[in-house]
N, C-alpha and C. Protein backbone atom coordinates (compact mmCIF):
# COMPACT_ATOMS: atom_id res chain seq x y z
N UNK A 1 299.24 40.79 251.95
CA UNK A 1 299.97 40.89 250.72
C UNK A 1 299.48 42.13 249.99
N UNK A 2 300.41 43.03 249.66
CA UNK A 2 300.03 44.26 248.95
C UNK A 2 300.87 44.38 247.69
N UNK A 3 300.23 44.92 246.71
CA UNK A 3 300.91 45.12 245.44
C UNK A 3 301.11 46.61 245.23
N UNK A 4 302.27 46.97 244.74
CA UNK A 4 302.55 48.36 244.45
C UNK A 4 302.69 48.48 242.93
N UNK A 5 301.90 49.36 242.37
CA UNK A 5 301.97 49.56 240.93
C UNK A 5 303.07 50.55 240.61
N UNK A 6 303.89 50.19 239.67
CA UNK A 6 304.96 51.09 239.25
C UNK A 6 304.35 52.21 238.41
N UNK A 7 304.85 53.43 238.56
CA UNK A 7 304.31 54.52 237.76
C UNK A 7 304.60 54.30 236.28
N UNK A 8 303.61 54.60 235.47
CA UNK A 8 303.79 54.45 234.03
C UNK A 8 304.40 55.71 233.43
N UNK A 9 305.21 55.52 232.43
CA UNK A 9 305.77 56.66 231.72
C UNK A 9 304.73 57.13 230.71
N UNK A 10 304.35 58.37 230.79
CA UNK A 10 303.37 58.91 229.87
C UNK A 10 304.04 59.31 228.57
N UNK A 11 303.50 58.87 227.50
CA UNK A 11 304.11 59.11 226.20
C UNK A 11 303.20 60.05 225.41
N UNK A 12 303.22 61.31 225.78
CA UNK A 12 302.31 62.27 225.17
C UNK A 12 302.50 62.46 223.68
N UNK A 13 303.71 62.62 223.16
CA UNK A 13 303.82 62.81 221.71
C UNK A 13 303.25 61.63 220.92
N UNK A 14 303.45 60.42 221.41
CA UNK A 14 302.94 59.26 220.71
C UNK A 14 301.42 59.25 220.75
N UNK A 15 300.84 59.56 221.89
CA UNK A 15 299.39 59.60 222.00
C UNK A 15 298.80 60.70 221.12
N UNK A 16 299.47 61.83 221.10
CA UNK A 16 298.99 62.94 220.29
C UNK A 16 299.04 62.58 218.81
N UNK A 17 300.13 61.96 218.39
CA UNK A 17 300.23 61.61 216.97
C UNK A 17 299.19 60.54 216.61
N UNK A 18 298.89 59.64 217.54
CA UNK A 18 297.85 58.65 217.27
C UNK A 18 296.49 59.32 217.14
N UNK A 19 296.23 60.30 217.99
CA UNK A 19 294.95 61.00 217.93
C UNK A 19 294.82 61.77 216.62
N UNK A 20 295.90 62.40 216.18
CA UNK A 20 295.87 63.13 214.91
C UNK A 20 295.67 62.15 213.76
N UNK A 21 296.37 61.03 213.81
CA UNK A 21 296.24 60.01 212.76
C UNK A 21 294.80 59.49 212.71
N UNK A 22 294.21 59.19 213.85
CA UNK A 22 292.83 58.70 213.89
C UNK A 22 291.86 59.76 213.35
N UNK A 23 292.09 61.02 213.71
CA UNK A 23 291.22 62.09 213.22
C UNK A 23 291.31 62.22 211.70
N UNK A 24 292.51 62.07 211.15
CA UNK A 24 292.67 62.15 209.70
C UNK A 24 291.97 60.99 209.00
N UNK A 25 292.02 59.83 209.60
CA UNK A 25 291.32 58.68 209.02
C UNK A 25 289.81 58.93 209.00
N UNK A 26 289.28 59.45 210.10
CA UNK A 26 287.84 59.74 210.14
C UNK A 26 287.46 60.84 209.16
N UNK A 27 288.35 61.81 208.97
CA UNK A 27 288.07 62.87 208.00
C UNK A 27 288.02 62.31 206.58
N UNK A 28 288.74 61.25 206.33
CA UNK A 28 288.71 60.64 205.00
C UNK A 28 287.50 59.72 204.84
N UNK A 29 287.09 59.04 205.90
CA UNK A 29 286.00 58.06 205.80
C UNK A 29 284.62 58.70 205.79
N UNK A 30 284.42 59.76 206.53
CA UNK A 30 283.08 60.35 206.64
C UNK A 30 282.53 60.86 205.31
N UNK A 31 283.30 61.54 204.49
CA UNK A 31 282.72 61.96 203.19
C UNK A 31 282.31 60.78 202.31
N UNK A 32 282.97 59.64 202.46
CA UNK A 32 282.57 58.46 201.69
C UNK A 32 281.16 58.03 202.05
N UNK A 33 280.78 58.18 203.32
CA UNK A 33 279.41 57.82 203.73
C UNK A 33 278.40 58.76 203.08
N UNK A 34 278.75 60.03 202.95
CA UNK A 34 277.84 60.97 202.32
C UNK A 34 277.61 60.63 200.86
N UNK A 35 278.63 60.11 200.18
CA UNK A 35 278.49 59.73 198.78
C UNK A 35 277.66 58.45 198.65
N UNK A 36 277.86 57.52 199.56
CA UNK A 36 277.17 56.23 199.47
C UNK A 36 275.72 56.30 199.93
N UNK A 37 275.42 57.20 200.86
CA UNK A 37 274.06 57.33 201.40
C UNK A 37 273.61 58.79 201.18
N UNK A 38 273.03 59.10 200.03
CA UNK A 38 272.68 60.49 199.70
C UNK A 38 271.73 61.18 200.70
N UNK A 39 270.77 60.48 201.33
CA UNK A 39 269.90 61.21 202.27
C UNK A 39 270.61 61.65 203.56
N UNK A 40 271.78 61.11 203.82
CA UNK A 40 272.47 61.41 205.08
C UNK A 40 272.77 62.90 205.26
N UNK A 41 273.33 63.62 204.28
CA UNK A 41 273.56 65.05 204.50
C UNK A 41 272.26 65.84 204.65
N UNK A 42 271.21 65.41 203.98
CA UNK A 42 269.93 66.11 204.11
C UNK A 42 269.40 65.99 205.53
N UNK A 43 269.39 64.78 206.06
CA UNK A 43 268.88 64.58 207.42
C UNK A 43 269.82 65.18 208.46
N UNK A 44 271.11 65.19 208.18
CA UNK A 44 272.07 65.81 209.10
C UNK A 44 271.87 67.32 209.18
N UNK A 45 271.35 67.90 208.13
CA UNK A 45 271.09 69.34 208.12
C UNK A 45 269.72 69.66 208.71
N UNK A 46 268.74 68.85 208.41
CA UNK A 46 267.37 69.14 208.85
C UNK A 46 267.15 68.83 210.33
N UNK A 47 267.78 67.80 210.86
CA UNK A 47 267.53 67.39 212.24
C UNK A 47 267.83 68.49 213.26
N UNK A 48 268.97 69.18 213.23
CA UNK A 48 269.17 70.25 214.22
C UNK A 48 268.15 71.37 214.10
N UNK A 49 267.74 71.68 212.89
CA UNK A 49 266.73 72.72 212.70
C UNK A 49 265.41 72.29 213.33
N UNK A 50 265.04 71.02 213.13
CA UNK A 50 263.80 70.51 213.73
C UNK A 50 263.86 70.55 215.26
N UNK A 51 265.02 70.18 215.83
CA UNK A 51 265.14 70.22 217.29
C UNK A 51 265.02 71.64 217.82
N UNK A 52 265.62 72.59 217.15
CA UNK A 52 265.53 73.98 217.60
C UNK A 52 264.08 74.45 217.56
N UNK A 53 263.40 74.18 216.45
CA UNK A 53 261.99 74.58 216.36
C UNK A 53 261.13 73.89 217.40
N UNK A 54 261.39 72.62 217.63
CA UNK A 54 260.62 71.86 218.61
C UNK A 54 260.79 72.43 220.01
N UNK A 55 262.04 72.65 220.42
CA UNK A 55 262.28 73.10 221.79
C UNK A 55 261.93 74.56 222.00
N UNK A 56 262.02 75.38 220.97
CA UNK A 56 261.69 76.80 221.14
C UNK A 56 260.18 77.02 221.12
N UNK A 57 259.50 76.43 220.15
CA UNK A 57 258.08 76.75 219.97
C UNK A 57 257.13 75.77 220.66
N UNK A 58 257.49 74.50 220.71
CA UNK A 58 256.58 73.52 221.32
C UNK A 58 256.77 73.48 222.83
N UNK A 59 258.03 73.38 223.27
CA UNK A 59 258.31 73.30 224.71
C UNK A 59 258.73 74.64 225.29
N UNK A 60 258.55 75.71 224.57
CA UNK A 60 259.05 77.03 224.98
C UNK A 60 258.58 77.49 226.34
N UNK A 61 257.31 77.31 226.66
CA UNK A 61 256.79 77.78 227.93
C UNK A 61 256.97 76.80 229.07
N UNK A 62 257.33 75.56 228.77
CA UNK A 62 257.41 74.54 229.81
C UNK A 62 258.77 74.49 230.49
N UNK A 63 259.80 75.05 229.88
CA UNK A 63 261.15 74.96 230.45
C UNK A 63 261.48 76.28 231.12
N UNK A 64 261.79 76.21 232.41
CA UNK A 64 262.15 77.39 233.19
C UNK A 64 263.63 77.32 233.56
N UNK A 65 264.32 78.45 233.47
CA UNK A 65 265.73 78.52 233.83
C UNK A 65 265.83 79.05 235.25
N UNK A 66 266.56 78.36 236.14
CA UNK A 66 266.73 78.87 237.49
C UNK A 66 267.42 80.24 237.46
N UNK A 67 266.90 81.18 238.18
CA UNK A 67 267.48 82.51 238.21
C UNK A 67 266.95 83.42 237.11
N UNK A 68 265.98 82.95 236.37
CA UNK A 68 265.40 83.75 235.30
C UNK A 68 266.22 83.68 234.02
N UNK A 69 265.77 84.37 233.04
CA UNK A 69 266.48 84.37 231.76
C UNK A 69 265.79 83.48 230.74
N UNK A 70 266.37 83.42 229.59
CA UNK A 70 265.81 82.68 228.49
C UNK A 70 266.62 81.41 228.27
N UNK A 71 265.98 80.28 228.19
CA UNK A 71 266.70 79.02 228.05
C UNK A 71 267.21 78.81 226.63
N UNK A 72 266.75 79.61 225.68
CA UNK A 72 267.22 79.48 224.30
C UNK A 72 268.71 79.80 224.23
N UNK A 73 269.20 80.64 225.15
CA UNK A 73 270.64 80.92 225.20
C UNK A 73 271.43 79.66 225.52
N UNK A 74 270.84 78.71 226.21
CA UNK A 74 271.49 77.44 226.52
C UNK A 74 271.18 76.39 225.47
N UNK A 75 270.06 76.53 224.79
CA UNK A 75 269.62 75.56 223.80
C UNK A 75 270.51 75.57 222.56
N UNK A 76 270.81 76.73 222.04
CA UNK A 76 271.56 76.79 220.79
C UNK A 76 272.96 76.18 220.90
N UNK A 77 273.76 76.49 221.93
CA UNK A 77 275.05 75.81 222.02
C UNK A 77 274.90 74.30 222.20
N UNK A 78 273.87 73.87 222.91
CA UNK A 78 273.65 72.44 223.09
C UNK A 78 273.32 71.73 221.79
N UNK A 79 272.52 72.35 220.95
CA UNK A 79 272.17 71.77 219.66
C UNK A 79 273.39 71.76 218.75
N UNK A 80 274.18 72.81 218.77
CA UNK A 80 275.37 72.91 217.91
C UNK A 80 276.39 71.83 218.29
N UNK A 81 276.56 71.63 219.58
CA UNK A 81 277.52 70.61 220.02
C UNK A 81 276.99 69.25 219.67
């Protein structure tokens, strides 16, 4: 006994509009958290700076990049993302 799944019709405009709608809702909700929890923006700003300092100065000599080069070039985009 075998089952054949019928192909689904992809509804891209509907999915896209849902994604935009969800993004707009999150854009409205996130600033409310910053107002309700004042330390949140401070820690959100300080944490990436601490990670950069930690990985550059504390672990700087321990991380080797295959093929040579400086791993800080890979660190900064990773921290930003």
